[in-house]
């Protein structure tokens, strides 16, 4: 039974990490038109669960992408400088959509792994009851 607990711990940590990644990607997409907004990035870290000894994943410290902000020419914009330019954002919608799809699919894979482990543990308990 300990191995089933380990696999469910690994899967649940994966779901939590991918959920955070999906939330950050959604924030980036929502702010893709906000002047001066920098894309948020969240790394993953491998850790060992002290209770089960399973190698799990957790999110690291959130940081801002330091790549160049897009310079936009619009003299009528309230944030425009004397030359008519203002800083846009460094969010690339193509990257964000790809990241969100990958996070969603990884979440689903972890959910299936968790559900399969739960079903297997339940089947073993049912066999032991007989």
C-alpha atoms as a PDB file:
ATOM      1  CA  UNK A   1       0.000   0.000   0.000  1.00  0.00           C
ATOM      2  CA  UNK A   2       2.926   2.329   0.609  1.00  0.00           C
ATOM      3  CA  UNK A   3       3.749   2.391  -3.127  1.00  0.00           C
ATOM      4  CA  UNK A   4       0.189   3.453  -3.938  1.00  0.00           C
ATOM      5  CA  UNK A   5       0.479   6.263  -1.421  1.00  0.00           C
ATOM      6  CA  UNK A   6       3.764   7.348  -3.023  1.00  0.00           C
ATOM      7  CA  UNK A   7       2.271   7.382  -6.512  1.00  0.00           C
ATOM      8  CA  UNK A   8      -0.738   9.378  -5.317  1.00  0.00           C
ATOM      9  CA  UNK A   9       1.591  11.842  -3.546  1.00  0.00           C
ATOM     10  CA  UNK A  10       3.645  12.289  -6.718  1.00  0.00           C
ATOM     11  CA  UNK A  11       0.530  12.773  -8.842  1.00  0.00           C
ATOM     12  CA  UNK A  12      -1.033  15.267  -6.445  1.00  0.00           C
ATOM     13  CA  UNK A  13       2.165  17.321  -6.303  1.00  0.00           C
ATOM     14  CA  UNK A  14       2.237  17.327 -10.097  1.00  0.00           C
ATOM     15  CA  UNK A  15      -1.371  18.508 -10.222  1.00  0.00           C
ATOM     16  CA  UNK A  16      -0.640  21.330  -7.770  1.00  0.00           C
ATOM     17  CA  UNK A  17       2.426  22.457  -9.742  1.00  0.00           C
ATOM     18  CA  UNK A  18       0.626  22.367 -13.096  1.00  0.00           C
ATOM     19  CA  UNK A  19      -2.328  24.207 -11.588  1.00  0.00           C
ATOM     20  CA  UNK A  20      -0.010  27.012 -10.476  1.00  0.00           C
ATOM     21  CA  UNK A  21       1.626  27.063 -13.909  1.00  0.00           C
ATOM     22  CA  UNK A  22      -1.785  27.326 -15.577  1.00  0.00           C
ATOM     23  CA  UNK A  23      -2.792  30.172 -13.250  1.00  0.00           C
ATOM     24  CA  UNK A  24       0.400  32.114 -14.044  1.00  0.00           C
ATOM     25  CA  UNK A  25      -0.120  31.565 -17.769  1.00  0.00           C
ATOM     26  CA  UNK A  26      -3.696  32.844 -17.460  1.00  0.00           C
ATOM     27  CA  UNK A  27      -2.435  35.957 -15.644  1.00  0.00           C
ATOM     28  CA  UNK A  28       0.080  36.560 -18.434  1.00  0.00           C
ATOM     29  CA  UNK A  29      -2.609  36.202 -21.100  1.00  0.00           C
ATOM     30  CA  UNK A  30      -4.965  38.520 -19.196  1.00  0.00           C
ATOM     31  CA  UNK A  31      -2.265  41.195 -18.953  1.00  0.00           C
ATOM     32  CA  UNK A  32      -0.906  40.846 -22.488  1.00  0.00           C
ATOM     33  CA  UNK A  33      -2.181  44.341 -23.381  1.00  0.00           C
ATOM     34  CA  UNK A  34      -1.109  46.045 -20.159  1.00  0.00           C
ATOM     35  CA  UNK A  35       1.689  48.576 -20.814  1.00  0.00           C
ATOM     36  CA  UNK A  36       4.861  47.794 -18.876  1.00  0.00           C
ATOM     37  CA  UNK A  37       3.709  44.313 -17.829  1.00  0.00           C
ATOM     38  CA  UNK A  38       6.466  41.712 -17.570  1.00  0.00           C
ATOM     39  CA  UNK A  39       5.709  38.050 -18.138  1.00  0.00           C
ATOM     40  CA  UNK A  40       5.674  35.933 -14.977  1.00  0.00           C
ATOM     41  CA  UNK A  41       7.549  32.622 -14.938  1.00  0.00           C
ATOM     42  CA  UNK A  42       7.327  29.889 -12.317  1.00  0.00           C
ATOM     43  CA  UNK A  43      10.017  27.180 -12.157  1.00  0.00           C
ATOM     44  CA  UNK A  44       9.571  23.660 -10.800  1.00  0.00           C
ATOM     45  CA  UNK A  45      11.779  22.049  -8.173  1.00  0.00           C
ATOM     46  CA  UNK A  46      12.179  18.390  -7.312  1.00  0.00           C
ATOM     47  CA  UNK A  47      11.818  17.607  -3.604  1.00  0.00           C
ATOM     48  CA  UNK A  48      11.592  14.452  -1.529  1.00  0.00           C
ATOM     49  CA  UNK A  49       8.429  14.038   0.530  1.00  0.00           C
ATOM     50  CA  UNK A  50       9.505  13.382   4.129  1.00  0.00           C
ATOM     51  CA  UNK A  51       6.510  11.165   4.976  1.00  0.00           C
ATOM     52  CA  UNK A  52       6.615   8.798   2.023  1.00  0.00           C
ATOM     53  CA  UNK A  53      10.091   9.231   0.573  1.00  0.00           C
ATOM     54  CA  UNK A  54       8.559   9.943  -2.850  1.00  0.00           C
ATOM     55  CA  UNK A  55      10.254  12.389  -5.188  1.00  0.00           C
ATOM     56  CA  UNK A  56       7.695  15.108  -5.770  1.00  0.00           C
ATOM     57  CA  UNK A  57       7.593  18.429  -7.575  1.00  0.00           C
ATOM     58  CA  UNK A  58       6.764  21.856  -6.251  1.00  0.00           C
ATOM     59  CA  UNK A  59       6.829  25.341  -7.633  1.00  0.00           C
ATOM     60  CA  UNK A  60       9.812  27.556  -7.036  1.00  0.00           C
ATOM     61  CA  UNK A  61       9.890  31.268  -6.465  1.00  0.00           C
ATOM     62  CA  UNK A  62       7.979  33.284  -9.054  1.00  0.00           C
ATOM     63  CA  UNK A  63      10.108  35.645 -11.129  1.00  0.00           C
ATOM     64  CA  UNK A  64       9.597  38.170 -13.912  1.00  0.00           C
ATOM     65  CA  UNK A  65      10.936  37.628 -17.420  1.00  0.00           C
ATOM     66  CA  UNK A  66      13.618  40.278 -17.932  1.00  0.00           C
ATOM     67  CA  UNK A  67      13.535  40.237 -21.742  1.00  0.00           C
ATOM     68  CA  UNK A  68      13.007  43.531 -23.550  1.00  0.00           C
ATOM     69  CA  UNK A  69       9.579  45.135 -23.467  1.00  0.00           C
ATOM     70  CA  UNK A  70       8.037  45.867 -26.819  1.00  0.00           C
ATOM     71  CA  UNK A  71       8.340  49.545 -27.846  1.00  0.00           C
ATOM     72  CA  UNK A  72       5.063  50.780 -29.306  1.00  0.00           C
ATOM     73  CA  UNK A  73       4.641  53.948 -31.331  1.00  0.00           C
ATOM     74  CA  UNK A  74       1.416  55.752 -30.472  1.00  0.00           C
ATOM     75  CA  UNK A  75       1.789  59.508 -29.869  1.00  0.00           C
ATOM     76  CA  UNK A  76      -1.833  59.725 -28.653  1.00  0.00           C
ATOM     77  CA  UNK A  77      -1.301  57.200 -25.840  1.00  0.00           C
ATOM     78  CA  UNK A  78      -1.187  58.785 -22.352  1.00  0.00           C
ATOM     79  CA  UNK A  79       2.021  56.890 -21.472  1.00  0.00           C
ATOM     80  CA  UNK A  80       3.857  57.926 -24.656  1.00  0.00           C
ATOM     81  CA  UNK A  81       7.135  59.799 -24.243  1.00  0.00           C
ATOM     82  CA  UNK A  82       8.104  62.925 -26.195  1.00  0.00           C
ATOM     83  CA  UNK A  83       8.977  60.743 -29.231  1.00  0.00           C
ATOM     84  CA  UNK A  84       5.553  59.015 -29.182  1.00  0.00           C
ATOM     85  CA  UNK A  85       6.750  55.640 -27.850  1.00  0.00           C
ATOM     86  CA  UNK A  86       5.724  53.697 -24.761  1.00  0.00           C
ATOM     87  CA  UNK A  87       6.738  50.344 -23.278  1.00  0.00           C
ATOM     88  CA  UNK A  88       4.352  47.531 -24.105  1.00  0.00           C
ATOM     89  CA  UNK A  89       4.695  44.035 -22.709  1.00  0.00           C
ATOM     90  CA  UNK A  90       6.998  41.065 -23.236  1.00  0.00           C
ATOM     91  CA  UNK A  91       4.150  38.519 -23.241  1.00  0.00           C
ATOM     92  CA  UNK A  92       4.143  36.347 -26.365  1.00  0.00           C
ATOM     93  CA  UNK A  93       0.645  34.940 -26.820  1.00  0.00           C
ATOM     94  CA  UNK A  94       1.909  31.954 -28.816  1.00  0.00           C
ATOM     95  CA  UNK A  95       4.190  30.911 -25.951  1.00  0.00           C
ATOM     96  CA  UNK A  96       1.485  31.458 -23.337  1.00  0.00           C
ATOM     97  CA  UNK A  97      -1.096  29.406 -25.217  1.00  0.00           C
ATOM     98  CA  UNK A  98       1.415  26.591 -25.740  1.00  0.00           C
ATOM     99  CA  UNK A  99       2.408  26.704 -22.048  1.00  0.00           C
ATOM    100  CA  UNK A 100      -1.211  26.622 -20.924  1.00  0.00           C
ATOM    101  CA  UNK A 101      -2.005  23.649 -23.173  1.00  0.00           C
ATOM    102  CA  UNK A 102       1.058  21.792 -21.915  1.00  0.00           C
ATOM    103  CA  UNK A 103       0.127  22.537 -18.295  1.00  0.00           C
ATOM    104  CA  UNK A 104      -3.453  21.396 -18.901  1.00  0.00           C
ATOM    105  CA  UNK A 105      -2.353  18.124 -20.480  1.00  0.00           C
ATOM    106  CA  UNK A 106       0.204  17.478 -17.746  1.00  0.00           C
ATOM    107  CA  UNK A 107      -2.463  18.144 -15.128  1.00  0.00           C
ATOM    108  CA  UNK A 108      -4.777  15.653 -16.846  1.00  0.00           C
ATOM    109  CA  UNK A 109      -2.009  13.029 -16.997  1.00  0.00           C
ATOM    110  CA  UNK A 110      -1.320  13.432 -13.268  1.00  0.00           C
ATOM    111  CA  UNK A 111      -5.043  13.239 -12.548  1.00  0.00           C
ATOM    112  CA  UNK A 112      -5.304   9.963 -14.483  1.00  0.00           C
ATOM    113  CA  UNK A 113      -2.275   8.582 -12.635  1.00  0.00           C
ATOM    114  CA  UNK A 114      -3.830   9.547  -9.292  1.00  0.00           C
ATOM    115  CA  UNK A 115      -7.178   8.020 -10.241  1.00  0.00           C
ATOM    116  CA  UNK A 116      -5.544   4.813 -11.491  1.00  0.00           C
ATOM    117  CA  UNK A 117      -3.555   4.442  -8.254  1.00  0.00           C
ATOM    118  CA  UNK A 118      -6.715   5.015  -6.234  1.00  0.00           C
ATOM    119  CA  UNK A 119      -8.592   2.356  -8.222  1.00  0.00           C
ATOM    120  CA  UNK A 120      -5.749  -0.136  -7.843  1.00  0.00           C
ATOM    121  CA  UNK A 121      -5.562   0.440  -4.077  1.00  0.00           C
ATOM    122  CA  UNK A 122      -9.324   0.047  -3.840  1.00  0.00           C
ATOM    123  CA  UNK A 123      -9.186  -3.210  -5.807  1.00  0.00           C
ATOM    124  CA  UNK A 124      -6.482  -4.607  -3.529  1.00  0.00           C
ATOM    125  CA  UNK A 125      -8.520  -3.710  -0.446  1.00  0.00           C
ATOM    126  CA  UNK A 126     -11.540  -5.407  -2.003  1.00  0.00           C
ATOM    127  CA  UNK A 127      -9.495  -8.567  -2.657  1.00  0.00           C
ATOM    128  CA  UNK A 128      -8.165  -8.582   0.896  1.00  0.00           C
ATOM    129  CA  UNK A 129     -11.715  -8.361   2.285  1.00  0.00           C
ATOM    130  CA  UNK A 130     -12.710 -11.631   0.622  1.00  0.00           C
END
